[in-house]
N, C-alpha and C. Protein backbone atom coordinates (compact mmCIF):
# COMPACT_ATOMS: atom_id res chain seq x y z
N MET A 1 59.59 38.11 -26.06
CA MET A 1 58.21 37.62 -26.05
C MET A 1 57.55 38.07 -27.36
N SER A 2 56.82 37.15 -28.00
CA SER A 2 56.15 37.48 -29.26
C SER A 2 54.93 38.36 -29.01
N VAL A 3 54.47 38.98 -30.07
CA VAL A 3 53.25 39.79 -29.98
C VAL A 3 52.09 38.92 -29.52
N ARG A 4 52.00 37.72 -30.07
CA ARG A 4 50.93 36.80 -29.69
C ARG A 4 51.00 36.46 -28.20
N GLU A 5 52.18 36.12 -27.71
CA GLU A 5 52.33 35.79 -26.29
C GLU A 5 51.94 36.97 -25.41
N ASN A 6 52.39 38.16 -25.80
CA ASN A 6 52.07 39.36 -25.03
C ASN A 6 50.56 39.62 -25.02
N LEU A 7 49.92 39.44 -26.18
CA LEU A 7 48.48 39.64 -26.28
C LEU A 7 47.73 38.71 -25.35
N TYR A 8 48.07 37.44 -25.36
CA TYR A 8 47.33 36.48 -24.55
C TYR A 8 47.64 36.57 -23.07
N ARG A 9 48.70 37.24 -22.70
CA ARG A 9 48.93 37.51 -21.28
C ARG A 9 47.89 38.50 -20.75
N GLN A 10 47.27 39.24 -21.67
CA GLN A 10 46.24 40.21 -21.29
C GLN A 10 44.85 39.58 -21.29
N PHE A 11 44.79 38.25 -21.43
CA PHE A 11 43.50 37.56 -21.52
C PHE A 11 42.59 37.94 -20.36
N GLY A 12 41.33 38.04 -20.66
CA GLY A 12 40.34 38.37 -19.66
C GLY A 12 39.49 39.53 -20.13
N PRO A 13 38.90 40.27 -19.21
CA PRO A 13 38.01 41.36 -19.57
C PRO A 13 38.64 42.40 -20.48
N LYS A 14 39.92 42.73 -20.26
CA LYS A 14 40.56 43.74 -21.11
C LYS A 14 40.69 43.26 -22.55
N LEU A 15 41.03 41.99 -22.74
CA LEU A 15 41.16 41.45 -24.09
C LEU A 15 39.80 41.43 -24.79
N ILE A 16 38.78 41.01 -24.09
CA ILE A 16 37.43 40.98 -24.66
C ILE A 16 36.99 42.38 -25.03
N GLU A 17 37.20 43.34 -24.15
CA GLU A 17 36.81 44.72 -24.43
C GLU A 17 37.57 45.26 -25.64
N ALA A 18 38.86 44.99 -25.73
CA ALA A 18 39.65 45.46 -26.87
C ALA A 18 39.13 44.87 -28.17
N LEU A 19 38.80 43.59 -28.17
CA LEU A 19 38.27 42.94 -29.38
C LEU A 19 36.94 43.57 -29.80
N VAL A 20 36.06 43.80 -28.84
CA VAL A 20 34.77 44.42 -29.15
C VAL A 20 34.99 45.82 -29.71
N MET A 21 35.92 46.57 -29.16
CA MET A 21 36.19 47.92 -29.63
C MET A 21 36.72 47.91 -31.06
N VAL A 22 37.63 47.00 -31.36
CA VAL A 22 38.19 46.90 -32.72
C VAL A 22 37.09 46.53 -33.72
N VAL A 23 36.29 45.54 -33.37
CA VAL A 23 35.22 45.11 -34.28
C VAL A 23 34.22 46.25 -34.48
N LYS A 24 33.86 46.95 -33.40
CA LYS A 24 32.93 48.07 -33.52
C LYS A 24 33.50 49.16 -34.43
N ASP A 25 34.77 49.48 -34.25
CA ASP A 25 35.39 50.50 -35.11
C ASP A 25 35.35 50.09 -36.57
N GLU A 26 35.67 48.83 -36.85
CA GLU A 26 35.67 48.34 -38.23
C GLU A 26 34.25 48.35 -38.82
N ILE A 27 33.28 47.92 -38.03
CA ILE A 27 31.88 47.95 -38.48
C ILE A 27 31.47 49.38 -38.80
N ASN A 28 31.84 50.30 -37.94
CA ASN A 28 31.43 51.69 -38.15
C ASN A 28 32.12 52.32 -39.36
N ILE A 29 33.34 51.92 -39.66
CA ILE A 29 34.00 52.40 -40.89
C ILE A 29 33.18 51.95 -42.10
N LEU A 30 32.82 50.67 -42.12
CA LEU A 30 32.04 50.14 -43.24
C LEU A 30 30.65 50.77 -43.31
N ARG A 31 30.01 50.96 -42.17
CA ARG A 31 28.68 51.57 -42.15
C ARG A 31 28.74 53.01 -42.66
N THR A 32 29.77 53.75 -42.27
CA THR A 32 29.91 55.13 -42.73
C THR A 32 30.10 55.17 -44.25
N LYS A 33 30.94 54.28 -44.77
CA LYS A 33 31.16 54.22 -46.22
C LYS A 33 29.89 53.84 -46.97
N ALA A 34 29.00 53.09 -46.31
CA ALA A 34 27.74 52.67 -46.93
C ALA A 34 26.63 53.71 -46.71
N GLY A 35 26.95 54.81 -46.04
CA GLY A 35 25.96 55.85 -45.79
C GLY A 35 25.00 55.53 -44.66
N LEU A 36 25.38 54.62 -43.79
CA LEU A 36 24.54 54.24 -42.66
C LEU A 36 25.04 54.89 -41.37
N ALA A 37 24.16 54.96 -40.39
CA ALA A 37 24.53 55.51 -39.08
C ALA A 37 25.48 54.54 -38.37
N VAL A 38 26.39 55.11 -37.60
CA VAL A 38 27.31 54.27 -36.83
C VAL A 38 26.55 53.59 -35.69
N ARG A 39 27.08 52.48 -35.22
CA ARG A 39 26.52 51.76 -34.07
C ARG A 39 27.11 52.35 -32.79
N THR A 40 26.26 52.55 -31.80
CA THR A 40 26.71 53.09 -30.52
C THR A 40 27.20 51.96 -29.62
N ASP A 41 27.88 52.33 -28.55
CA ASP A 41 28.32 51.33 -27.57
C ASP A 41 27.12 50.56 -27.01
N ASP A 42 26.01 51.28 -26.74
CA ASP A 42 24.82 50.61 -26.20
C ASP A 42 24.24 49.61 -27.21
N GLN A 43 24.24 49.97 -28.48
CA GLN A 43 23.71 49.05 -29.50
C GLN A 43 24.58 47.80 -29.60
N ILE A 44 25.89 47.98 -29.58
CA ILE A 44 26.80 46.84 -29.64
C ILE A 44 26.63 45.98 -28.39
N GLY A 45 26.56 46.62 -27.23
CA GLY A 45 26.39 45.89 -25.98
C GLY A 45 25.10 45.09 -25.97
N GLN A 46 24.01 45.69 -26.43
CA GLN A 46 22.73 44.97 -26.46
C GLN A 46 22.78 43.81 -27.45
N ALA A 47 23.43 43.98 -28.57
CA ALA A 47 23.57 42.89 -29.55
C ALA A 47 24.33 41.72 -28.94
N ILE A 48 25.37 42.02 -28.17
CA ILE A 48 26.14 40.95 -27.51
C ILE A 48 25.27 40.25 -26.47
N ILE A 49 24.53 41.03 -25.68
CA ILE A 49 23.63 40.44 -24.68
C ILE A 49 22.62 39.52 -25.36
N ASN A 50 22.05 39.97 -26.47
CA ASN A 50 21.07 39.16 -27.19
C ASN A 50 21.68 37.84 -27.66
N LYS A 51 22.89 37.88 -28.15
CA LYS A 51 23.56 36.64 -28.60
C LYS A 51 23.85 35.73 -27.40
N LEU A 52 24.35 36.30 -26.31
CA LEU A 52 24.67 35.50 -25.13
C LEU A 52 23.45 34.78 -24.58
N GLU A 53 22.30 35.42 -24.66
CA GLU A 53 21.07 34.81 -24.14
C GLU A 53 20.66 33.59 -24.96
N ASN A 54 21.16 33.47 -26.17
CA ASN A 54 20.77 32.36 -27.05
C ASN A 54 21.86 31.31 -27.22
N ILE A 55 22.95 31.46 -26.51
CA ILE A 55 24.03 30.47 -26.56
C ILE A 55 23.95 29.65 -25.27
N PRO A 56 23.76 28.34 -25.40
CA PRO A 56 23.68 27.52 -24.19
C PRO A 56 25.02 27.46 -23.47
N ASN A 57 24.96 27.28 -22.16
CA ASN A 57 26.18 27.13 -21.37
C ASN A 57 26.91 25.86 -21.79
N TYR A 58 28.22 25.88 -21.68
CA TYR A 58 29.02 24.69 -21.88
C TYR A 58 28.85 23.80 -20.64
N ASP A 59 29.06 22.51 -20.80
CA ASP A 59 28.91 21.57 -19.68
C ASP A 59 29.75 21.98 -18.47
N TRP A 60 30.96 22.46 -18.73
CA TRP A 60 31.85 22.81 -17.64
C TRP A 60 31.41 24.05 -16.87
N MET A 61 30.41 24.76 -17.39
CA MET A 61 29.92 25.97 -16.73
C MET A 61 28.85 25.66 -15.68
N THR A 62 28.35 24.44 -15.67
CA THR A 62 27.28 24.05 -14.76
C THR A 62 27.90 23.33 -13.55
N PRO A 63 27.65 23.86 -12.35
CA PRO A 63 28.18 23.18 -11.15
C PRO A 63 27.61 21.77 -11.05
N ARG A 64 28.43 20.87 -10.55
CA ARG A 64 27.97 19.47 -10.39
C ARG A 64 27.72 19.13 -8.97
């Protein structure tokens, strides 16, 4: 099984959480190098919530 196939078998909440964690780590590396404070889990979570509130649902998400 390829790395890609194995990764997508983990699809769901664990995959989403892992992606958020990787992006947060990378952002914090760059912020530290720029002399800025790191982002906390709560700050990242709130930023995601803010974005989700402004993205309309897809048609398939609305019951018919």
